[in-house]
Amino acid sequence: MKESNTSGDADLSFYLADLDGGGDFILQSKENLIIFRICYLMMSFALLVAGTAHETPQQVVTRYNNYKAICDGMGFQNVRCKDPIAFQSSLTKTLQNLKNQEIVIFDKVSLNEGNAYDNISGIFTAPLDGIYSFTWTISTTAGKYFVTEIVLNGQYVTYNFADGRGHNGHPMTTSHANIKMKKGDKVWIRTQINYGQYAHGTNWCYFSGKKM
């Protein structure tokens, strides 16, 4: 069993191999720890009975499923821990003179585990509750600038200022944000005010993220 203590509200995370081989059980709060212990004992008992009583395999499965149904009703979740949520995308087309708060769509996807990033809308939708880590890089050109911000459900989180004024070549700036999200929450990159003068295409600008 693996135990970790996270910062903030001091949630607890516990991982245990699923008894029926479907994945891993995850518990992420002190309250869920009680449910975890109850459910683990109940479902372990269902398997123990098979070795101490004359039950058929079907009867054991039925008993286990009945206990599992009770646990599901108590809010005990079975989540596949082994399936990662991560994406990597880039910008293929040069962007110029974008409107106020226009979404920057990183259209080329090289990784999209969990299919949470939409390269048509440029929006990432959280498939699960958790903390997600995002990074984006903007490359502009000499004499221009491109200011962007990452938003959670439309609310500003932090920004990126790629400024090519007084520089040669293609100045590049990277920003990072860790965001606590609920299932269904959305994150995207947009221009700040009307400061989207020039963003270099041909995969020089990137947007990536993953569930921590």
C-alpha atoms as a PDB file:
ATOM      1  CA  MET A   1       0.000   0.000   0.000  1.00  0.00           C
ATOM      2  CA  LYS A   2       1.304   3.455  -0.908  1.00  0.00           C
ATOM      3  CA  GLU A   3       0.474   6.554   1.159  1.00  0.00           C
ATOM      4  CA  SER A   4       1.176  10.153   0.303  1.00  0.00           C
ATOM      5  CA  ASN A   5       0.322  13.397   2.033  1.00  0.00           C
ATOM      6  CA  THR A   6      -0.402  16.324  -0.274  1.00  0.00           C
ATOM      7  CA  SER A   7      -0.128  20.014   0.552  1.00  0.00           C
ATOM      8  CA  GLY A   8      -3.077  22.358   0.993  1.00  0.00           C
ATOM      9  CA  ASP A   9      -5.913  20.518   2.707  1.00  0.00           C
ATOM     10  CA  ALA A  10      -3.660  17.597   3.673  1.00  0.00           C
ATOM     11  CA  ASP A  11      -5.587  15.064   1.660  1.00  0.00           C
ATOM     12  CA  LEU A  12      -4.491  11.462   1.830  1.00  0.00           C
ATOM     13  CA  SER A  13      -4.060   9.218  -1.191  1.00  0.00           C
ATOM     14  CA  PHE A  14      -4.145   5.450  -0.995  1.00  0.00           C
ATOM     15  CA  TYR A  15      -3.548   2.974  -3.795  1.00  0.00           C
ATOM     16  CA  LEU A  16      -4.529  -0.690  -3.692  1.00  0.00           C
ATOM     17  CA  ALA A  17      -4.689  -3.293  -6.450  1.00  0.00           C
ATOM     18  CA  ASP A  18      -8.305  -3.936  -7.431  1.00  0.00           C
ATOM     19  CA  LEU A  19      -9.472  -7.352  -6.281  1.00  0.00           C
ATOM     20  CA  ASP A  20     -11.149  -8.086  -9.584  1.00  0.00           C
ATOM     21  CA  GLY A  21      -8.188  -6.904 -11.697  1.00  0.00           C
ATOM     22  CA  GLY A  22      -9.932  -3.837 -13.151  1.00  0.00           C
ATOM     23  CA  GLY A  23      -7.347  -1.274 -12.087  1.00  0.00           C
ATOM     24  CA  ASP A  24      -6.494   0.483  -8.819  1.00  0.00           C
ATOM     25  CA  PHE A  25      -8.708   1.904  -6.104  1.00  0.00           C
ATOM     26  CA  ILE A  26      -7.960   5.545  -5.263  1.00  0.00           C
ATOM     27  CA  LEU A  27      -8.960   7.408  -2.105  1.00  0.00           C
ATOM     28  CA  GLN A  28      -8.048  11.055  -1.779  1.00  0.00           C
ATOM     29  CA  SER A  29      -9.506  12.271   1.527  1.00  0.00           C
ATOM     30  CA  LYS A  30      -9.561  11.414   5.213  1.00  0.00           C
ATOM     31  CA  GLU A  31     -13.275  10.695   5.005  1.00  0.00           C
ATOM     32  CA  ASN A  32     -12.712   8.243   2.175  1.00  0.00           C
ATOM     33  CA  LEU A  33     -10.174   6.390   4.305  1.00  0.00           C
ATOM     34  CA  ILE A  34     -13.001   5.118   6.497  1.00  0.00           C
ATOM     35  CA  ILE A  35     -14.961   4.001   3.425  1.00  0.00           C
ATOM     36  CA  PHE A  36     -11.810   2.399   2.066  1.00  0.00           C
ATOM     37  CA  ARG A  37     -11.255   0.293   5.176  1.00  0.00           C
ATOM     38  CA  ILE A  38     -14.871  -0.806   5.334  1.00  0.00           C
ATOM     39  CA  CYS A  39     -15.009  -1.726   1.648  1.00  0.00           C
ATOM     40  CA  TYR A  40     -11.644  -3.456   1.678  1.00  0.00           C
ATOM     41  CA  LEU A  41     -12.674  -5.609   4.642  1.00  0.00           C
ATOM     42  CA  MET A  42     -16.045  -6.397   3.082  1.00  0.00           C
ATOM     43  CA  MET A  43     -14.644  -7.419  -0.279  1.00  0.00           C
ATOM     44  CA  SER A  44     -11.725  -9.284   1.282  1.00  0.00           C
ATOM     45  CA  PHE A  45     -14.241 -11.189   3.381  1.00  0.00           C
ATOM     46  CA  ALA A  46     -16.113 -12.149   0.226  1.00  0.00           C
ATOM     47  CA  LEU A  47     -12.970 -13.823  -1.089  1.00  0.00           C
ATOM     48  CA  LEU A  48     -12.080 -15.319   2.284  1.00  0.00           C
ATOM     49  CA  VAL A  49     -15.437 -17.064   2.413  1.00  0.00           C
ATOM     50  CA  ALA A  50     -14.505 -18.950  -0.735  1.00  0.00           C
ATOM     51  CA  GLY A  51     -11.712 -20.670   1.149  1.00  0.00           C
ATOM     52  CA  THR A  52     -13.675 -21.442   4.305  1.00  0.00           C
ATOM     53  CA  ALA A  53     -17.147 -22.295   2.988  1.00  0.00           C
ATOM     54  CA  HIS A  54     -18.456 -24.542   0.279  1.00  0.00           C
ATOM     55  CA  GLU A  55     -19.525 -21.842  -2.168  1.00  0.00           C
ATOM     56  CA  THR A  56     -19.416 -22.077  -5.912  1.00  0.00           C
ATOM     57  CA  PRO A  57     -17.288 -19.545  -7.838  1.00  0.00           C
ATOM     58  CA  GLN A  58     -20.490 -17.875  -9.051  1.00  0.00           C
ATOM     59  CA  GLN A  59     -21.716 -17.450  -5.470  1.00  0.00           C
ATOM     60  CA  VAL A  60     -18.417 -15.852  -4.486  1.00  0.00           C
ATOM     61  CA  VAL A  61     -18.620 -13.433  -7.425  1.00  0.00           C
ATOM     62  CA  THR A  62     -22.214 -12.582  -6.526  1.00  0.00           C
ATOM     63  CA  ARG A  63     -21.257 -11.897  -2.908  1.00  0.00           C
ATOM     64  CA  TYR A  64     -18.333  -9.720  -4.011  1.00  0.00           C
ATOM     65  CA  ASN A  65     -20.479  -7.753  -6.462  1.00  0.00           C
ATOM     66  CA  ASN A  66     -23.091  -7.154  -3.761  1.00  0.00           C
ATOM     67  CA  TYR A  67     -20.455  -5.725  -1.410  1.00  0.00           C
ATOM     68  CA  LYS A  68     -18.980  -3.653  -4.212  1.00  0.00           C
ATOM     69  CA  ALA A  69     -22.422  -2.210  -5.025  1.00  0.00           C
ATOM     70  CA  ILE A  70     -22.717  -1.081  -1.396  1.00  0.00           C
ATOM     71  CA  CYS A  71     -19.298   0.562  -1.584  1.00  0.00           C
ATOM     72  CA  ASP A  72     -20.185   2.304  -4.838  1.00  0.00           C
ATOM     73  CA  GLY A  73     -23.291   3.675  -3.151  1.00  0.00           C
ATOM     74  CA  MET A  74     -21.094   5.076  -0.372  1.00  0.00           C
ATOM     75  CA  GLY A  75     -19.032   6.972  -2.926  1.00  0.00           C
ATOM     76  CA  PHE A  76     -16.104   4.568  -3.208  1.00  0.00           C
ATOM     77  CA  GLN A  77     -14.591   5.049  -6.667  1.00  0.00           C
ATOM     78  CA  ASN A  78     -12.689   2.603  -8.807  1.00  0.00           C
ATOM     79  CA  VAL A  79     -10.324   4.565 -11.036  1.00  0.00           C
ATOM     80  CA  ARG A  80      -7.754   3.229 -13.466  1.00  0.00           C
ATOM     81  CA  CYS A  81      -4.565   4.758 -12.076  1.00  0.00           C
ATOM     82  CA  LYS A  82      -2.458   3.316 -14.849  1.00  0.00           C
ATOM     83  CA  ASP A  83      -4.106   5.432 -17.553  1.00  0.00           C
ATOM     84  CA  PRO A  84      -2.258   8.804 -17.680  1.00  0.00           C
ATOM     85  CA  ILE A  85      -3.770  12.150 -18.611  1.00  0.00           C
ATOM     86  CA  ALA A  86      -1.266  14.200 -20.599  1.00  0.00           C
ATOM     87  CA  PHE A  87      -1.061  16.191 -23.818  1.00  0.00           C
ATOM     88  CA  GLN A  88       1.477  18.011 -25.959  1.00  0.00           C
ATOM     89  CA  SER A  89       0.474  20.434 -28.725  1.00  0.00           C
ATOM     90  CA  SER A  90       2.055  23.084 -30.916  1.00  0.00           C
ATOM     91  CA  LEU A  91       1.156  25.945 -33.221  1.00  0.00           C
ATOM     92  CA  THR A  92       1.611  25.320 -36.946  1.00  0.00           C
ATOM     93  CA  LYS A  93       0.310  28.661 -38.261  1.00  0.00           C
ATOM     94  CA  THR A  94       1.707  32.094 -37.492  1.00  0.00           C
ATOM     95  CA  LEU A  95      -0.817  34.260 -35.605  1.00  0.00           C
ATOM     96  CA  GLN A  96      -1.022  38.034 -36.052  1.00  0.00           C
ATOM     97  CA  ASN A  97      -3.174  40.802 -34.585  1.00  0.00           C
ATOM     98  CA  LEU A  98      -5.502  38.599 -32.565  1.00  0.00           C
ATOM     99  CA  LYS A  99      -8.572  40.075 -30.906  1.00  0.00           C
ATOM    100  CA  ASN A 100      -9.054  40.729 -27.194  1.00  0.00           C
ATOM    101  CA  GLN A 101      -9.094  37.442 -25.228  1.00  0.00           C
ATOM    102  CA  GLU A 102      -9.055  35.343 -28.383  1.00  0.00           C
ATOM    103  CA  ILE A 103      -8.261  31.676 -27.764  1.00  0.00           C
ATOM    104  CA  VAL A 104      -4.857  30.587 -29.004  1.00  0.00           C
ATOM    105  CA  ILE A 105      -5.458  27.224 -30.665  1.00  0.00           C
ATOM    106  CA  PHE A 106      -2.433  24.949 -30.649  1.00  0.00           C
ATOM    107  CA  ASP A 107      -3.585  22.827 -33.531  1.00  0.00           C
ATOM    108  CA  LYS A 108      -0.922  20.108 -33.867  1.00  0.00           C
ATOM    109  CA  VAL A 109      -1.176  17.351 -31.253  1.00  0.00           C
ATOM    110  CA  SER A 110       1.764  15.013 -30.711  1.00  0.00           C
ATOM    111  CA  LEU A 111       0.423  13.467 -27.483  1.00  0.00           C
ATOM    112  CA  ASN A 112      -3.112  13.281 -26.095  1.00  0.00           C
ATOM    113  CA  GLU A 113      -3.382  10.521 -23.488  1.00  0.00           C
ATOM    114  CA  GLY A 114      -6.913  10.579 -22.105  1.00  0.00           C
ATOM    115  CA  ASN A 115      -8.161  12.701 -25.053  1.00  0.00           C
ATOM    116  CA  ALA A 116      -8.726  15.689 -22.767  1.00  0.00           C
ATOM    117  CA  TYR A 117      -7.260  18.326 -25.123  1.00  0.00           C
ATOM    118  CA  ASP A 118      -9.317  19.481 -28.118  1.00  0.00           C
ATOM    119  CA  ASN A 119      -7.113  20.861 -30.895  1.00  0.00           C
ATOM    120  CA  ILE A 120     -10.151  22.305 -32.682  1.00  0.00           C
ATOM    121  CA  SER A 121     -11.242  24.581 -29.840  1.00  0.00           C
ATOM    122  CA  GLY A 122      -7.871  24.773 -28.063  1.00  0.00           C
ATOM    123  CA  ILE A 123      -9.539  23.821 -24.761  1.00  0.00           C
ATOM    124  CA  PHE A 124      -8.431  21.223 -22.197  1.00  0.00           C
ATOM    125  CA  THR A 125     -11.261  19.617 -20.200  1.00  0.00           C
ATOM    126  CA  ALA A 126     -10.397  17.808 -16.963  1.00  0.00           C
ATOM    127  CA  PRO A 127     -11.690  14.210 -17.055  1.00  0.00           C
ATOM    128  CA  LEU A 128     -11.058  13.786 -13.298  1.00  0.00           C
ATOM    129  CA  ASP A 129     -10.688  15.904 -10.177  1.00  0.00           C
ATOM    130  CA  GLY A 130      -7.088  16.708  -9.367  1.00  0.00           C
ATOM    131  CA  ILE A 131      -4.154  19.069  -9.752  1.00  0.00           C
ATOM    132  CA  TYR A 132      -2.978  19.610 -13.318  1.00  0.00           C
ATOM    133  CA  SER A 133       0.335  21.042 -14.466  1.00  0.00           C
ATOM    134  CA  PHE A 134       0.396  23.224 -17.599  1.00  0.00           C
ATOM    135  CA  THR A 135       3.257  24.786 -19.549  1.00  0.00           C
ATOM    136  CA  TRP A 136       3.131  26.982 -22.618  1.00  0.00           C
ATOM    137  CA  THR A 137       5.809  28.653 -24.714  1.00  0.00           C
ATOM    138  CA  ILE A 138       5.325  31.605 -27.058  1.00  0.00           C
ATOM    139  CA  SER A 139       7.841  32.736 -29.673  1.00  0.00           C
ATOM    140  CA  THR A 140       7.357  36.170 -31.215  1.00  0.00           C
ATOM    141  CA  THR A 141       9.524  38.174 -33.630  1.00  0.00           C
ATOM    142  CA  ALA A 142      11.707  41.289 -33.584  1.00  0.00           C
ATOM    143  CA  GLY A 143       9.744  44.475 -32.945  1.00  0.00           C
ATOM    144  CA  LYS A 144       6.530  42.633 -32.005  1.00  0.00           C
ATOM    145  CA  TYR A 145       5.015  41.127 -28.865  1.00  0.00           C
ATOM    146  CA  PHE A 146       2.449  38.481 -27.947  1.00  0.00           C
ATOM    147  CA  VAL A 147       0.930  38.455 -24.475  1.00  0.00           C
ATOM    148  CA  THR A 148      -1.159  35.468 -23.393  1.00  0.00           C
ATOM    149  CA  GLU A 149      -2.787  34.180 -20.219  1.00  0.00           C
ATOM    150  CA  ILE A 150      -3.965  30.801 -19.025  1.00  0.00           C
ATOM    151  CA  VAL A 151      -7.516  30.744 -17.682  1.00  0.00           C
ATOM    152  CA  LEU A 152      -9.625  28.315 -15.662  1.00  0.00           C
ATOM    153  CA  ASN A 153     -13.257  28.415 -16.767  1.00  0.00           C
ATOM    154  CA  GLY A 154     -12.596  31.898 -18.130  1.00  0.00           C
ATOM    155  CA  GLN A 155     -10.869  33.203 -14.986  1.00  0.00           C
ATOM    156  CA  TYR A 156      -7.303  34.502 -15.225  1.00  0.00           C
ATOM    157  CA  VAL A 157      -4.583  32.387 -13.562  1.00  0.00           C
ATOM    158  CA  THR A 158      -1.236  33.741 -14.823  1.00  0.00           C
ATOM    159  CA  TYR A 159       0.278  35.189 -17.982  1.00  0.00           C
ATOM    160  CA  ASN A 160       3.114  34.930 -20.495  1.00  0.00           C
ATOM    161  CA  PHE A 161       4.788  38.001 -22.049  1.00  0.00           C
ATOM    162  CA  ALA A 162       6.811  37.324 -25.202  1.00  0.00           C
ATOM    163  CA  ASP A 163       8.361  40.672 -26.129  1.00  0.00           C
ATOM    164  CA  GLY A 164      10.458  41.102 -29.281  1.00  0.00           C
ATOM    165  CA  ARG A 165      10.853  44.868 -29.035  1.00  0.00           C
ATOM    166  CA  GLY A 166      14.531  45.770 -28.898  1.00  0.00           C
ATOM    167  CA  HIS A 167      15.538  42.217 -29.799  1.00  0.00           C
ATOM    168  CA  ASN A 168      16.598  40.385 -32.917  1.00  0.00           C
ATOM    169  CA  GLY A 169      15.399  36.991 -34.104  1.00  0.00           C
ATOM    170  CA  HIS A 170      12.493  35.236 -32.361  1.00  0.00           C
ATOM    171  CA  PRO A 171      12.430  35.870 -28.588  1.00  0.00           C
ATOM    172  CA  MET A 172      10.740  33.045 -26.661  1.00  0.00           C
ATOM    173  CA  THR A 173       9.038  32.985 -23.246  1.00  0.00           C
ATOM    174  CA  THR A 174       7.727  30.024 -21.221  1.00  0.00           C
ATOM    175  CA  SER A 175       5.175  30.102 -18.412  1.00  0.00           C
ATOM    176  CA  HIS A 176       3.919  27.427 -16.031  1.00  0.00           C
ATOM    177  CA  ALA A 177       0.833  26.923 -13.863  1.00  0.00           C
ATOM    178  CA  ASN A 178      -0.411  24.238 -11.468  1.00  0.00           C
ATOM    179  CA  ILE A 179      -4.198  24.357 -11.336  1.00  0.00           C
ATOM    180  CA  LYS A 180      -6.624  22.486  -9.084  1.00  0.00           C
ATOM    181  CA  MET A 181      -9.509  21.321 -11.258  1.00  0.00           C
ATOM    182  CA  LYS A 182     -12.813  19.547 -10.863  1.00  0.00           C
ATOM    183  CA  LYS A 183     -14.053  17.074 -13.427  1.00  0.00           C
ATOM    184  CA  GLY A 184     -15.433  19.071 -16.368  1.00  0.00           C
ATOM    185  CA  ASP A 185     -13.443  22.240 -15.610  1.00  0.00           C
ATOM    186  CA  LYS A 186     -11.808  23.838 -18.643  1.00  0.00           C
ATOM    187  CA  VAL A 187      -8.430  25.480 -19.225  1.00  0.00           C
ATOM    188  CA  TRP A 188      -7.185  27.334 -22.289  1.00  0.00           C
ATOM    189  CA  ILE A 189      -4.692  29.956 -23.465  1.00  0.00           C
ATOM    190  CA  ARG A 190      -5.971  33.305 -24.716  1.00  0.00           C
ATOM    191  CA  THR A 191      -4.572  36.703 -25.646  1.00  0.00           C
ATOM    192  CA  GLN A 192      -4.439  39.372 -22.965  1.00  0.00           C
ATOM    193  CA  ILE A 193      -6.431  42.415 -24.042  1.00  0.00           C
ATOM    194  CA  ASN A 194      -5.379  43.030 -27.678  1.00  0.00           C
ATOM    195  CA  TYR A 195      -1.678  42.263 -27.217  1.00  0.00           C
ATOM    196  CA  GLY A 196      -1.575  39.364 -29.674  1.00  0.00           C
ATOM    197  CA  GLN A 197       0.599  40.988 -32.313  1.00  0.00           C
ATOM    198  CA  TYR A 198       2.711  38.076 -33.523  1.00  0.00           C
ATOM    199  CA  ALA A 199       3.191  34.413 -32.550  1.00  0.00           C
ATOM    200  CA  HIS A 200       5.583  32.368 -34.632  1.00  0.00           C
ATOM    201  CA  GLY A 201       4.126  29.251 -36.286  1.00  0.00           C
ATOM    202  CA  THR A 202       5.859  26.131 -37.635  1.00  0.00           C
ATOM    203  CA  ASN A 203       5.777  24.498 -34.174  1.00  0.00           C
ATOM    204  CA  TRP A 204       7.774  27.148 -32.307  1.00  0.00           C
ATOM    205  CA  CYS A 205       4.940  27.706 -29.820  1.00  0.00           C
ATOM    206  CA  TYR A 206       3.839  24.913 -27.475  1.00  0.00           C
ATOM    207  CA  PHE A 207       1.092  24.073 -24.976  1.00  0.00           C
ATOM    208  CA  SER A 208       1.273  20.970 -22.792  1.00  0.00           C
ATOM    209  CA  GLY A 209      -0.265  19.627 -19.618  1.00  0.00           C
ATOM    210  CA  LYS A 210      -0.649  16.592 -17.400  1.00  0.00           C
ATOM    211  CA  LYS A 211      -2.448  15.400 -14.287  1.00  0.00           C
ATOM    212  CA  MET A 212      -0.075  15.321 -11.338  1.00  0.00           C
END
